């Protein structure tokens, strides 16, 4: 039963860390590219190919 006193707060801290990382990624613009690689690969523009 003593392990619950350690694991419960630890799991809450890990969850808050994940939520903070997600919030940071939203604020830093990680999801602001609507024409990302998934859409660019379908464009067929020959000037957009790697060298």
C-alpha atoms as a PDB file:
ATOM      1  CA  UNK A   1       0.000   0.000   0.000  1.00  0.00           C
ATOM      2  CA  UNK A   2       2.959   2.336   0.573  1.00  0.00           C
ATOM      3  CA  UNK A   3       3.873   2.079  -3.094  1.00  0.00           C
ATOM      4  CA  UNK A   4       0.599   3.843  -3.952  1.00  0.00           C
ATOM      5  CA  UNK A   5       1.836   6.883  -2.043  1.00  0.00           C
ATOM      6  CA  UNK A   6       4.741   7.065  -4.490  1.00  0.00           C
ATOM      7  CA  UNK A   7       3.145   5.933  -7.743  1.00  0.00           C
ATOM      8  CA  UNK A   8       0.027   8.109  -7.655  1.00  0.00           C
ATOM      9  CA  UNK A   9       1.844  11.466  -7.380  1.00  0.00           C
ATOM     10  CA  UNK A  10       4.523  10.264  -9.799  1.00  0.00           C
ATOM     11  CA  UNK A  11       1.941   9.389 -12.437  1.00  0.00           C
ATOM     12  CA  UNK A  12       0.278  12.779 -11.996  1.00  0.00           C
ATOM     13  CA  UNK A  13       3.642  14.520 -12.453  1.00  0.00           C
ATOM     14  CA  UNK A  14       4.384  12.517 -15.605  1.00  0.00           C
ATOM     15  CA  UNK A  15       0.934  13.333 -17.002  1.00  0.00           C
ATOM     16  CA  UNK A  16       1.418  17.033 -16.252  1.00  0.00           C
ATOM     17  CA  UNK A  17       4.815  16.895 -17.958  1.00  0.00           C
ATOM     18  CA  UNK A  18       3.239  15.406 -21.073  1.00  0.00           C
ATOM     19  CA  UNK A  19       0.512  18.016 -21.034  1.00  0.00           C
ATOM     20  CA  UNK A  20       3.105  20.782 -20.659  1.00  0.00           C
ATOM     21  CA  UNK A  21       5.103  19.386 -23.612  1.00  0.00           C
ATOM     22  CA  UNK A  22       1.957  19.273 -25.742  1.00  0.00           C
ATOM     23  CA  UNK A  23       1.007  22.815 -24.730  1.00  0.00           C
ATOM     24  CA  UNK A  24       4.531  24.016 -25.589  1.00  0.00           C
ATOM     25  CA  UNK A  25       4.333  22.370 -29.012  1.00  0.00           C
ATOM     26  CA  UNK A  26       1.023  24.111 -29.689  1.00  0.00           C
ATOM     27  CA  UNK A  27       2.402  27.489 -28.635  1.00  0.00           C
ATOM     28  CA  UNK A  28       5.612  27.106 -30.655  1.00  0.00           C
ATOM     29  CA  UNK A  29       3.730  26.495 -33.904  1.00  0.00           C
ATOM     30  CA  UNK A  30       4.488  22.821 -34.467  1.00  0.00           C
ATOM     31  CA  UNK A  31       1.028  22.218 -35.959  1.00  0.00           C
ATOM     32  CA  UNK A  32       0.733  25.383 -38.087  1.00  0.00           C
ATOM     33  CA  UNK A  33       1.796  23.903 -41.448  1.00  0.00           C
ATOM     34  CA  UNK A  34      -1.383  22.902 -43.305  1.00  0.00           C
ATOM     35  CA  UNK A  35       0.579  22.323 -46.551  1.00  0.00           C
ATOM     36  CA  UNK A  36       3.098  20.054 -44.903  1.00  0.00           C
ATOM     37  CA  UNK A  37       4.977  17.097 -46.303  1.00  0.00           C
ATOM     38  CA  UNK A  38       1.817  15.021 -46.625  1.00  0.00           C
ATOM     39  CA  UNK A  39       0.231  17.570 -48.971  1.00  0.00           C
ATOM     40  CA  UNK A  40       3.454  18.553 -50.766  1.00  0.00           C
ATOM     41  CA  UNK A  41       4.128  15.007 -51.895  1.00  0.00           C
ATOM     42  CA  UNK A  42       0.852  15.052 -53.848  1.00  0.00           C
ATOM     43  CA  UNK A  43       1.529  18.383 -55.590  1.00  0.00           C
ATOM     44  CA  UNK A  44       3.668  16.957 -58.390  1.00  0.00           C
ATOM     45  CA  UNK A  45       5.677  20.157 -58.730  1.00  0.00           C
ATOM     46  CA  UNK A  46       9.042  19.231 -60.347  1.00  0.00           C
ATOM     47  CA  UNK A  47      10.759  22.232 -58.726  1.00  0.00           C
ATOM     48  CA  UNK A  48       9.966  20.855 -55.275  1.00  0.00           C
ATOM     49  CA  UNK A  49      12.108  17.721 -55.561  1.00  0.00           C
ATOM     50  CA  UNK A  50      15.278  17.242 -53.524  1.00  0.00           C
ATOM     51  CA  UNK A  51      18.604  17.915 -55.210  1.00  0.00           C
END
